[in-house]
Amino acid sequence: GDTKSRINIKRQAPAYRETTQSNTNLAYTGKDLGFVEKLDANAYVLEKKRYSADDKDNGYAGNVKGPNHTQITTRGMNFNFDSRLAEQTLLKYGINYRHQEIKPQAFLNSQFKIEDKKDATDEEKKKNRDNENIAKAYRLTNPTKTDTGAYIEAIHEIDGFTLTGGLRYDRFKVKTHDGKTVSSSNLNPSFGVIWQPHEHWSFSASHNYASRSPRLYDALQTHGKRGIISIADGTKAERARNTEIGFNYNDGTFAANGSYFWQTIKDALANPQNRHDSVAIREAVNA
């Protein structure tokens, strides 16, 4: 194809690359631990690595000449407890922790460049040079993200009904490679009921809230050669409100079930989409 096209022999030439993933997980399950009826706990390290023998013709990966390594490391732990408050009441509670870090081969924002259009005016060219200097001035660091959470839920059975009610606390902290930090937290309640009027029939309804924190941007763009990937001030976790009603029938020989689900999302998260453009600073935002 055209040498100026994104799809041509040079840009799409085969190159030796490897992607590897390793997961180390230490898990523990305990029962009858005093007040704690059951404990499920684990701690893990997840590593994802990309190796390329030569990315000199790969602008997306920073045009790195020779070996190019990118690594994403995730560390976390979970503790989930069950305790029986009474014969018909079960309490479930726990904590969660997750930390993620991206490590590029090198930071290349000192090579950031904006191509001038053929008919660009002197003013437009000056603006491009000013934007180049803005991106080059940053001292980039590995982007990180930390999620922490805690939850409690009660499940109670009474006269053919199973009632559930819970509350979850979630907090995130994101540091983008320009050093900017944003954090926020949410309280997410949940409610549910299951009614079983007959041994073969049951009806259910639930209403809950859930939050999703901002994601770290594309690991291969962390080098900064195509500009700075930041996050807007005041960015919040995306929050969903979910409601579902349904039924279930099973007599041992015939089974049927159905449900109706609807969801409303507030503060939807949007990462920069112009990945192939040279822009000095782009930000993740709430849509």
Foldseek 3Di string as FASTA:
>chain_A
DDPPDCDDCLLPPDWDKDKDKDKDKDWDWDADPDQFGIKIKMKMKIKIKMWTQACLSPVLLPNHGGIWMKMKIKIKMKIWTWGAPDPFKIKIKIKIKMKMWIDTRAADLLQAAADDDPPDDPVRVVVRVVLSVLLNPADFDIKMKMKMKIKMKMWGDDDQKIKMKMKMKMKMWIQFRSGDIAIDIDIKIKIKMWGDPDPFKIKIKIKIKDWAADDHPDSSCSSQNLAGEEADYPQDTKMKIKIKIKMWGDPPPDIDIDMDMDMDIAQDKDGDDPSPHRGHYGHIGRD
